[in-house]
Amino acid sequence: MRRLTFRQWVGYAGFAAVIVVTAAVAVWSGDILRAGLDPQVPFQTYEPPAAPDYKSASSWALLDDGRSDQASVFFVMPTTFDGGSGWNGAIDDARANAYMRRVVLPNYASPFAREARVSAPLYRQASLYTRLTLRDDAREARAFAYGDVKTAFDLWLQNHPTGPIVIAGVEQGGELAARLVRDELTSRPALKARLAGAYLIETLVSQTMFDGRIAPCEAADQTGCLVAWMSVQDGDEPAARRALRRALEWNDRGELVGLGGQAICVNPVTGSTAQPRAEARQHSGATNATGLEWGARPALTGRLISTQCRGGLLWHSAPDADFLTAGGSWADRRKIVPYNLFYGDIERDMAARVSAWRTRNGGS
């Protein structure tokens, strides 16, 4: 057997070192990037950005924008602020707002605009980092964001005193919208009576949080109920476990705590909590609307996925569509995906609930 020379030993050792370093980067790069978003300051001593003035149009991403006046929608946006410099983002953060206008509004606010006028406040949202840790500081930052949403909602209500309303939120926005529905509507019967539906998209909440005061939707023409779901692709058990492990909801003291029971799952394809699998032929349409200007309705691809509520999650088949892909930076890949599997289903569901509300209230 030929003996290796010193130079060959050095070469092999160097090659092995490269492999070890490459493997370490692959394993720990997420931890390194996540650590880079940590503000490195306790929330109690943190100085948040200036509060929005919701009497000014500049504090709103949308203000009564839509293609119909059948209903009024209060829409709470998902996370667009990465963090690093603070626990909560300023409402004029250029990078966060660019992502919001390019991805969030066309994919997630636009489905509500076909049947309504949509208003979406800019708020000092908790950073992406707060979604990646269960630290108390992160929970406090998420609770802090609710104050802005509540202030915006109060003023919005003054300007929308009659007619059907819809409250909608996505991811962080769904978490905040859930508290808004629980705290405001359940204590104000007249306001609750105006609710066509509350959409908590990609949001995990349990019925325990609502204590039976507002129920999940059991039928597509039911009003005053919750349409909530968290979607997971069939077979992705790690993603399901991760979502349930990180899930937090509000207690009566305004604190974020673990789920108090099985999460609510209303299948957006059927508009109900029914367990049987909805076949792909029932699916109304997915789209990738990223980059579209506000007001432009994207093309939809229907009959694409089957769906089923199981174990508090909405399981769906893998979509066979190249346009439903998520790219971008490490941080962007951990935000809401830049497409909407249920764009057409949300449009259809909301139209049915608003129509049912108007029928039951004499068209007013």
Foldseek 3Di string as FASTA:
>chain_A
DDDDDPVVVVVVVVVVVVVVVVVCCVVCVVVVVLVQQDLPDFLVPFDADDFDDLVDPLQWPFDQDADEALEEEEEEEFAQAAHNNGQWADLVPPRSVVCCQQFVCQFPVHLVRHHHGYIYGRFRAGHLSLLVDPDPRSQVSLLVRLVNSVVNVVVVCVVVVDAAYEYEYEHSGLQSSVVCCQPPPLVPVVNLLRFLEYERHLAWAAVVQNVPSAAQFAALQDGSHYAYAREDEPPPVVVVVVCQVSHWHQHPVSTTDHHPDFTDHQPLLGSRQDFDKAAQQSAQFKWQRRRPHPPDHDDTDGSFWIWGDDRNHIYIYDGPDPRQDADDDPSRVSIDGRIGSRSRSSSVSSVSSSVSSCVVVVND
